């Protein structure tokens, strides 16, 4: 009887041990699977983060390309417009120069006809012809100065060297001085404001002294000073600022 009980107990203990072993193995397996799932979940999270980061980079790159394309198109439109404006400006400058040249020639022709048509001795005719040439030189200088001003916000050159690119004959500049520096836009009396003046006065056949002048509006004059004093006449023809 005792042997039977012992046998039963032994069998029970063995079964219990086997059950505990099975449960332990199951728990270990579950822990391993759980850990594996955690690792997989972490990897999935990392993959999702990488996917989102890459998606953002792609979106930014796409957006950046779109912005660059728009900026390129805008710059191309502006460049096309500027080219058109440059061409138009060139045409206007050419027309302006032609009109000024025509005005100079017309005024010179009128003045030449008037002075040469009047009776005079050969010396006086020669002197008047020289005066006409001086006036023409002054107008040519004024034309170059105005073309320079057109390219520099209305500012006249401070020296003839600044505007040398606008003169076909540099010797013109050897006989005149610039007496006004500034912008033509600021001159209130352009038709009366002296801009350039002949360096040396010259004696006339009938007495007195003459000198060529160029004014802000582009015209030129020969002034006669019987006593050779040009100061008072020049003082009355200084450039006046607007608002004075």
C-alpha atoms as a PDB file:
ATOM      1  CA  UNK A   1       0.000   0.000   0.000  1.00  0.00           C
ATOM      2  CA  UNK A   2       2.756   2.366   0.936  1.00  0.00           C
ATOM      3  CA  UNK A   3       4.597   1.461  -2.227  1.00  0.00           C
ATOM      4  CA  UNK A   4       1.545   2.304  -4.236  1.00  0.00           C
ATOM      5  CA  UNK A   5       1.208   5.669  -2.502  1.00  0.00           C
ATOM      6  CA  UNK A   6       4.854   6.419  -3.010  1.00  0.00           C
ATOM      7  CA  UNK A   7       4.544   5.513  -6.655  1.00  0.00           C
ATOM      8  CA  UNK A   8       1.537   7.781  -7.038  1.00  0.00           C
ATOM      9  CA  UNK A   9       3.341  10.604  -5.308  1.00  0.00           C
ATOM     10  CA  UNK A  10       6.415  10.106  -7.501  1.00  0.00           C
ATOM     11  CA  UNK A  11       4.304  10.133 -10.612  1.00  0.00           C
ATOM     12  CA  UNK A  12       2.516  13.280  -9.429  1.00  0.00           C
ATOM     13  CA  UNK A  13       5.768  15.036  -8.681  1.00  0.00           C
ATOM     14  CA  UNK A  14       7.173  14.052 -12.028  1.00  0.00           C
ATOM     15  CA  UNK A  15       4.079  15.352 -13.775  1.00  0.00           C
ATOM     16  CA  UNK A  16       4.261  18.584 -11.800  1.00  0.00           C
ATOM     17  CA  UNK A  17       7.906  19.013 -12.646  1.00  0.00           C
ATOM     18  CA  UNK A  18       7.159  18.394 -16.289  1.00  0.00           C
ATOM     19  CA  UNK A  19       4.322  20.904 -16.190  1.00  0.00           C
ATOM     20  CA  UNK A  20       6.517  23.503 -14.523  1.00  0.00           C
ATOM     21  CA  UNK A  21       9.238  22.876 -17.105  1.00  0.00           C
ATOM     22  CA  UNK A  22       6.727  23.270 -19.935  1.00  0.00           C
ATOM     23  CA  UNK A  23       5.351  26.484 -18.405  1.00  0.00           C
ATOM     24  CA  UNK A  24       8.856  27.857 -17.914  1.00  0.00           C
ATOM     25  CA  UNK A  25       9.785  27.076 -21.486  1.00  0.00           C
ATOM     26  CA  UNK A  26       6.570  28.699 -22.649  1.00  0.00           C
ATOM     27  CA  UNK A  27       7.297  31.832 -20.621  1.00  0.00           C
ATOM     28  CA  UNK A  28      10.829  32.003 -21.984  1.00  0.00           C
ATOM     29  CA  UNK A  29       9.492  31.640 -25.508  1.00  0.00           C
ATOM     30  CA  UNK A  30       6.874  34.297 -24.877  1.00  0.00           C
ATOM     31  CA  UNK A  31       9.505  36.663 -23.516  1.00  0.00           C
ATOM     32  CA  UNK A  32      11.684  36.030 -26.536  1.00  0.00           C
ATOM     33  CA  UNK A  33       8.790  36.593 -28.897  1.00  0.00           C
ATOM     34  CA  UNK A  34       7.831  39.720 -26.965  1.00  0.00           C
ATOM     35  CA  UNK A  35      11.368  41.041 -27.195  1.00  0.00           C
ATOM     36  CA  UNK A  36      11.448  40.246 -30.891  1.00  0.00           C
ATOM     37  CA  UNK A  37       8.172  42.058 -31.359  1.00  0.00           C
ATOM     38  CA  UNK A  38       9.558  45.052 -29.469  1.00  0.00           C
ATOM     39  CA  UNK A  39      12.622  45.107 -31.724  1.00  0.00           C
ATOM     40  CA  UNK A  40      10.439  44.820 -34.792  1.00  0.00           C
ATOM     41  CA  UNK A  41       8.202  47.600 -33.494  1.00  0.00           C
ATOM     42  CA  UNK A  42      11.299  49.776 -32.920  1.00  0.00           C
ATOM     43  CA  UNK A  43      12.525  49.020 -36.413  1.00  0.00           C
ATOM     44  CA  UNK A  44       9.115  49.851 -37.847  1.00  0.00           C
ATOM     45  CA  UNK A  45       9.132  53.136 -35.912  1.00  0.00           C
ATOM     46  CA  UNK A  46      12.594  53.941 -37.273  1.00  0.00           C
ATOM     47  CA  UNK A  47      11.495  53.048 -40.792  1.00  0.00           C
ATOM     48  CA  UNK A  48       8.421  55.259 -40.467  1.00  0.00           C
ATOM     49  CA  UNK A  49      10.597  58.121 -39.215  1.00  0.00           C
ATOM     50  CA  UNK A  50      13.036  57.636 -42.111  1.00  0.00           C
ATOM     51  CA  UNK A  51      10.140  57.471 -44.518  1.00  0.00           C
ATOM     52  CA  UNK A  52       8.704  60.717 -43.188  1.00  0.00           C
ATOM     53  CA  UNK A  53      12.129  62.399 -43.297  1.00  0.00           C
ATOM     54  CA  UNK A  54      12.718  61.281 -46.859  1.00  0.00           C
ATOM     55  CA  UNK A  55       9.218  62.365 -47.838  1.00  0.00           C
ATOM     56  CA  UNK A  56       9.883  65.805 -46.341  1.00  0.00           C
ATOM     57  CA  UNK A  57      13.193  66.060 -48.201  1.00  0.00           C
ATOM     58  CA  UNK A  58      11.527  65.112 -51.455  1.00  0.00           C
ATOM     59  CA  UNK A  59       8.768  67.667 -50.832  1.00  0.00           C
ATOM     60  CA  UNK A  60      11.321  70.363 -49.976  1.00  0.00           C
ATOM     61  CA  UNK A  61      13.407  69.532 -53.032  1.00  0.00           C
ATOM     62  CA  UNK A  62      10.310  69.643 -55.215  1.00  0.00           C
ATOM     63  CA  UNK A  63       9.235  72.921 -53.650  1.00  0.00           C
ATOM     64  CA  UNK A  64      12.750  74.343 -54.034  1.00  0.00           C
ATOM     65  CA  UNK A  65      12.856  73.371 -57.708  1.00  0.00           C
ATOM     66  CA  UNK A  66       9.466  74.957 -58.240  1.00  0.00           C
ATOM     67  CA  UNK A  67      10.652  78.164 -56.550  1.00  0.00           C
ATOM     68  CA  UNK A  68      13.841  78.146 -58.607  1.00  0.00           C
ATOM     69  CA  UNK A  69      11.876  77.631 -61.793  1.00  0.00           C
ATOM     70  CA  UNK A  70       9.553  80.520 -60.941  1.00  0.00           C
ATOM     71  CA  UNK A  71      12.527  82.742 -60.073  1.00  0.00           C
ATOM     72  CA  UNK A  72      14.281  81.774 -63.310  1.00  0.00           C
ATOM     73  CA  UNK A  73      11.145  82.556 -65.306  1.00  0.00           C
ATOM     74  CA  UNK A  74      10.794  85.896 -63.524  1.00  0.00           C
ATOM     75  CA  UNK A  75      14.429  86.798 -64.203  1.00  0.00           C
ATOM     76  CA  UNK A  76      14.026  85.836 -67.852  1.00  0.00           C
ATOM     77  CA  UNK A  77      10.962  88.061 -68.148  1.00  0.00           C
ATOM     78  CA  UNK A  78      12.828  90.948 -66.513  1.00  0.00           C
ATOM     79  CA  UNK A  79      15.858  90.397 -68.754  1.00  0.00           C
ATOM     80  CA  UNK A  80      13.638  90.430 -71.835  1.00  0.00           C
ATOM     81  CA  UNK A  81      11.985  93.630 -70.633  1.00  0.00           C
ATOM     82  CA  UNK A  82      15.355  95.248 -69.894  1.00  0.00           C
ATOM     83  CA  UNK A  83      16.645  94.312 -73.331  1.00  0.00           C
ATOM     84  CA  UNK A  84      13.594  95.932 -74.853  1.00  0.00           C
ATOM     85  CA  UNK A  85      14.103  99.048 -72.734  1.00  0.00           C
ATOM     86  CA  UNK A  86      17.796  99.153 -73.652  1.00  0.00           C
ATOM     87  CA  UNK A  87      16.973  98.951 -77.338  1.00  0.00           C
ATOM     88  CA  UNK A  88      14.342 101.654 -76.954  1.00  0.00           C
ATOM     89  CA  UNK A  89      16.782 103.805 -74.958  1.00  0.00           C
ATOM     90  CA  UNK A  90      19.368 103.425 -77.702  1.00  0.00           C
ATOM     91  CA  UNK A  91      16.834 104.549 -80.283  1.00  0.00           C
ATOM     92  CA  UNK A  92      15.823 107.542 -78.166  1.00  0.00           C
ATOM     93  CA  UNK A  93      19.449 108.547 -77.632  1.00  0.00           C
ATOM     94  CA  UNK A  94      20.106 108.312 -81.334  1.00  0.00           C
ATOM     95  CA  UNK A  95      17.025 110.359 -82.131  1.00  0.00           C
ATOM     96  CA  UNK A  96      17.938 112.875 -79.417  1.00  0.00           C
ATOM     97  CA  UNK A  97      21.457 113.240 -80.792  1.00  0.00           C
ATOM     98  CA  UNK A  98      20.106 113.666 -84.321  1.00  0.00           C
ATOM     99  CA  UNK A  99      17.635 116.330 -83.177  1.00  0.00           C
ATOM    100  CA  UNK A 100      20.317 118.205 -81.270  1.00  0.00           C
ATOM    101  CA  UNK A 101      22.659 117.987 -84.240  1.00  0.00           C
ATOM    102  CA  UNK A 102      19.918 119.274 -86.529  1.00  0.00           C
ATOM    103  CA  UNK A 103      19.207 122.121 -84.124  1.00  0.00           C
ATOM    104  CA  UNK A 104      22.886 123.021 -83.966  1.00  0.00           C
ATOM    105  CA  UNK A 105      23.203 122.957 -87.749  1.00  0.00           C
ATOM    106  CA  UNK A 106      20.024 124.986 -88.247  1.00  0.00           C
ATOM    107  CA  UNK A 107      21.083 127.645 -85.761  1.00  0.00           C
ATOM    108  CA  UNK A 108      24.572 127.758 -87.253  1.00  0.00           C
ATOM    109  CA  UNK A 109      23.188 128.130 -90.754  1.00  0.00           C
ATOM    110  CA  UNK A 110      20.860 130.975 -89.706  1.00  0.00           C
ATOM    111  CA  UNK A 111      23.617 132.787 -87.864  1.00  0.00           C
ATOM    112  CA  UNK A 112      26.085 132.245 -90.732  1.00  0.00           C
ATOM    113  CA  UNK A 113      23.618 133.633 -93.254  1.00  0.00           C
ATOM    114  CA  UNK A 114      22.882 136.685 -91.114  1.00  0.00           C
ATOM    115  CA  UNK A 115      26.470 137.671 -90.412  1.00  0.00           C
ATOM    116  CA  UNK A 116      27.851 136.887 -93.848  1.00  0.00           C
ATOM    117  CA  UNK A 117      25.000 138.588 -95.673  1.00  0.00           C
ATOM    118  CA  UNK A 118      25.742 141.939 -94.039  1.00  0.00           C
ATOM    119  CA  UNK A 119      28.341 144.201 -95.678  1.00  0.00           C
ATOM    120  CA  UNK A 120      31.746 143.847 -94.057  1.00  0.00           C
ATOM    121  CA  UNK A 121      35.402 143.958 -94.925  1.00  0.00           C
ATOM    122  CA  UNK A 122      37.299 140.707 -95.501  1.00  0.00           C
ATOM    123  CA  UNK A 123      38.891 140.798 -92.028  1.00  0.00           C
ATOM    124  CA  UNK A 124      35.497 141.093 -90.365  1.00  0.00           C
ATOM    125  CA  UNK A 125      34.044 138.310 -92.512  1.00  0.00           C
ATOM    126  CA  UNK A 126      36.952 136.082 -91.552  1.00  0.00           C
ATOM    127  CA  UNK A 127      36.490 136.917 -87.882  1.00  0.00           C
ATOM    128  CA  UNK A 128      32.771 136.218 -88.026  1.00  0.00           C
ATOM    129  CA  UNK A 129      33.429 132.885 -89.693  1.00  0.00           C
ATOM    130  CA  UNK A 130      35.837 132.063 -86.853  1.00  0.00           C
ATOM    131  CA  UNK A 131      33.129 133.041 -84.357  1.00  0.00           C
ATOM    132  CA  UNK A 132      30.681 130.696 -86.075  1.00  0.00           C
ATOM    133  CA  UNK A 133      33.215 127.872 -85.753  1.00  0.00           C
ATOM    134  CA  UNK A 134      33.657 128.632 -82.052  1.00  0.00           C
ATOM    135  CA  UNK A 135      29.884 128.546 -81.521  1.00  0.00           C
ATOM    136  CA  UNK A 136      29.684 125.241 -83.356  1.00  0.00           C
ATOM    137  CA  UNK A 137      32.450 123.794 -81.171  1.00  0.00           C
ATOM    138  CA  UNK A 138      30.603 124.980 -78.072  1.00  0.00           C
ATOM    139  CA  UNK A 139      27.382 123.313 -79.236  1.00  0.00           C
ATOM    140  CA  UNK A 140      29.205 120.062 -79.972  1.00  0.00           C
ATOM    141  CA  UNK A 141      30.657 120.110 -76.466  1.00  0.00           C
ATOM    142  CA  UNK A 142      27.232 120.812 -74.993  1.00  0.00           C
ATOM    143  CA  UNK A 143      25.742 117.919 -76.956  1.00  0.00           C
ATOM    144  CA  UNK A 144      28.327 115.515 -75.532  1.00  0.00           C
ATOM    145  CA  UNK A 145      27.736 116.848 -72.025  1.00  0.00           C
ATOM    146  CA  UNK A 146      23.991 116.345 -72.349  1.00  0.00           C
ATOM    147  CA  UNK A 147      24.464 112.809 -73.677  1.00  0.00           C
ATOM    148  CA  UNK A 148      26.683 112.130 -70.668  1.00  0.00           C
ATOM    149  CA  UNK A 149      23.965 113.568 -68.404  1.00  0.00           C
ATOM    150  CA  UNK A 150      21.348 111.318 -70.014  1.00  0.00           C
ATOM    151  CA  UNK A 151      23.431 108.323 -68.927  1.00  0.00           C
ATOM    152  CA  UNK A 152      24.116 109.676 -65.419  1.00  0.00           C
ATOM    153  CA  UNK A 153      20.776 110.732 -63.904  1.00  0.00           C
ATOM    154  CA  UNK A 154      21.001 114.244 -65.347  1.00  0.00           C
ATOM    155  CA  UNK A 155      24.439 115.003 -63.860  1.00  0.00           C
ATOM    156  CA  UNK A 156      26.785 116.950 -66.136  1.00  0.00           C
ATOM    157  CA  UNK A 157      30.436 115.839 -66.304  1.00  0.00           C
ATOM    158  CA  UNK A 158      32.848 117.460 -63.861  1.00  0.00           C
ATOM    159  CA  UNK A 159      35.498 117.521 -66.597  1.00  0.00           C
ATOM    160  CA  UNK A 160      35.696 116.912 -70.318  1.00  0.00           C
ATOM    161  CA  UNK A 161      37.781 113.811 -69.589  1.00  0.00           C
ATOM    162  CA  UNK A 162      34.753 112.277 -67.864  1.00  0.00           C
ATOM    163  CA  UNK A 163      32.791 112.649 -71.106  1.00  0.00           C
ATOM    164  CA  UNK A 164      35.618 111.883 -73.552  1.00  0.00           C
ATOM    165  CA  UNK A 165      33.693 108.892 -74.941  1.00  0.00           C
ATOM    166  CA  UNK A 166      31.057 111.309 -76.280  1.00  0.00           C
ATOM    167  CA  UNK A 167      33.420 113.474 -78.329  1.00  0.00           C
ATOM    168  CA  UNK A 168      34.612 112.631 -81.820  1.00  0.00           C
ATOM    169  CA  UNK A 169      37.211 115.409 -81.765  1.00  0.00           C
ATOM    170  CA  UNK A 170      39.071 115.883 -78.487  1.00  0.00           C
ATOM    171  CA  UNK A 171      40.653 119.191 -79.591  1.00  0.00           C
ATOM    172  CA  UNK A 172      37.308 120.909 -78.939  1.00  0.00           C
ATOM    173  CA  UNK A 173      37.863 120.480 -75.224  1.00  0.00           C
ATOM    174  CA  UNK A 174      41.199 122.338 -75.306  1.00  0.00           C
ATOM    175  CA  UNK A 175      39.555 125.712 -75.812  1.00  0.00           C
ATOM    176  CA  UNK A 176      36.755 125.651 -73.210  1.00  0.00           C
ATOM    177  CA  UNK A 177      36.305 125.352 -69.459  1.00  0.00           C
ATOM    178  CA  UNK A 178      33.359 123.842 -67.585  1.00  0.00           C
ATOM    179  CA  UNK A 179      31.959 126.469 -65.222  1.00  0.00           C
ATOM    180  CA  UNK A 180      28.966 124.515 -63.858  1.00  0.00           C
ATOM    181  CA  UNK A 181      29.023 121.123 -62.142  1.00  0.00           C
ATOM    182  CA  UNK A 182      25.810 119.454 -61.083  1.00  0.00           C
ATOM    183  CA  UNK A 183      22.537 118.202 -62.472  1.00  0.00           C
ATOM    184  CA  UNK A 184      20.627 119.890 -65.258  1.00  0.00           C
ATOM    185  CA  UNK A 185      17.452 118.888 -63.395  1.00  0.00           C
ATOM    186  CA  UNK A 186      18.343 121.360 -60.620  1.00  0.00           C
ATOM    187  CA  UNK A 187      18.774 124.391 -62.902  1.00  0.00           C
ATOM    188  CA  UNK A 188      15.866 126.816 -62.826  1.00  0.00           C
ATOM    189  CA  UNK A 189      17.143 129.013 -65.698  1.00  0.00           C
ATOM    190  CA  UNK A 190      18.700 126.656 -68.284  1.00  0.00           C
ATOM    191  CA  UNK A 191      18.413 129.139 -71.157  1.00  0.00           C
ATOM    192  CA  UNK A 192      20.368 131.729 -69.135  1.00  0.00           C
ATOM    193  CA  UNK A 193      22.767 129.486 -67.204  1.00  0.00           C
ATOM    194  CA  UNK A 194      26.341 129.344 -68.501  1.00  0.00           C
ATOM    195  CA  UNK A 195      27.774 125.816 -68.490  1.00  0.00           C
ATOM    196  CA  UNK A 196      30.960 126.198 -70.524  1.00  0.00           C
ATOM    197  CA  UNK A 197      33.099 129.219 -71.414  1.00  0.00           C
ATOM    198  CA  UNK A 198      35.877 129.781 -73.908  1.00  0.00           C
ATOM    199  CA  UNK A 199      39.220 129.890 -72.101  1.00  0.00           C
ATOM    200  CA  UNK A 200      40.653 132.928 -73.851  1.00  0.00           C
ATOM    201  CA  UNK A 201      38.792 136.000 -75.086  1.00  0.00           C
ATOM    202  CA  UNK A 202      39.869 137.382 -78.459  1.00  0.00           C
ATOM    203  CA  UNK A 203      39.991 140.928 -79.817  1.00  0.00           C
ATOM    204  CA  UNK A 204      37.534 141.920 -82.494  1.00  0.00           C
ATOM    205  CA  UNK A 205      38.219 143.884 -85.650  1.00  0.00           C
ATOM    206  CA  UNK A 206      36.014 146.778 -84.539  1.00  0.00           C
ATOM    207  CA  UNK A 207      37.388 146.869 -81.009  1.00  0.00           C
ATOM    208  CA  UNK A 208      36.496 145.137 -77.780  1.00  0.00           C
ATOM    209  CA  UNK A 209      36.836 141.493 -76.801  1.00  0.00           C
ATOM    210  CA  UNK A 210      34.658 138.472 -77.546  1.00  0.00           C
ATOM    211  CA  UNK A 211      34.247 135.047 -75.966  1.00  0.00           C
ATOM    212  CA  UNK A 212      32.124 131.978 -76.762  1.00  0.00           C
ATOM    213  CA  UNK A 213      29.717 130.522 -74.172  1.00  0.00           C
ATOM    214  CA  UNK A 214      27.538 127.411 -73.942  1.00  0.00           C
ATOM    215  CA  UNK A 215      24.321 127.314 -71.926  1.00  0.00           C
ATOM    216  CA  UNK A 216      22.464 124.603 -70.036  1.00  0.00           C
ATOM    217  CA  UNK A 217      19.674 124.376 -72.603  1.00  0.00           C
ATOM    218  CA  UNK A 218      22.198 123.516 -75.342  1.00  0.00           C
ATOM    219  CA  UNK A 219      22.526 126.834 -77.209  1.00  0.00           C
ATOM    220  CA  UNK A 220      25.730 128.847 -77.646  1.00  0.00           C
ATOM    221  CA  UNK A 221      26.475 132.568 -77.831  1.00  0.00           C
ATOM    222  CA  UNK A 222      29.328 134.936 -78.624  1.00  0.00           C
ATOM    223  CA  UNK A 223      29.433 137.807 -76.140  1.00  0.00           C
ATOM    224  CA  UNK A 224      31.227 141.105 -76.869  1.00  0.00           C
ATOM    225  CA  UNK A 225      32.683 143.062 -73.955  1.00  0.00           C
ATOM    226  CA  UNK A 226      33.859 146.504 -75.158  1.00  0.00           C
ATOM    227  CA  UNK A 227      36.214 146.894 -72.196  1.00  0.00           C
ATOM    228  CA  UNK A 228      37.159 143.192 -71.987  1.00  0.00           C
ATOM    229  CA  UNK A 229      35.417 142.786 -68.618  1.00  0.00           C
ATOM    230  CA  UNK A 230      33.089 139.761 -68.820  1.00  0.00           C
ATOM    231  CA  UNK A 231      32.536 139.467 -65.055  1.00  0.00           C
ATOM    232  CA  UNK A 232      29.258 141.396 -64.634  1.00  0.00           C
ATOM    233  CA  UNK A 233      27.641 139.767 -67.677  1.00  0.00           C
ATOM    234  CA  UNK A 234      28.708 136.284 -66.520  1.00  0.00           C
ATOM    235  CA  UNK A 235      27.492 136.934 -62.981  1.00  0.00           C
ATOM    236  CA  UNK A 236      23.999 137.645 -64.277  1.00  0.00           C
ATOM    237  CA  UNK A 237      24.024 134.312 -66.081  1.00  0.00           C
ATOM    238  CA  UNK A 238      24.951 131.962 -63.298  1.00  0.00           C
ATOM    239  CA  UNK A 239      22.893 128.816 -62.888  1.00  0.00           C
ATOM    240  CA  UNK A 240      20.104 129.263 -60.354  1.00  0.00           C
ATOM    241  CA  UNK A 241      18.828 126.362 -58.297  1.00  0.00           C
ATOM    242  CA  UNK A 242      15.122 125.575 -58.451  1.00  0.00           C
ATOM    243  CA  UNK A 243      13.183 127.081 -55.587  1.00  0.00           C
ATOM    244  CA  UNK A 244      15.394 130.128 -55.210  1.00  0.00           C
END
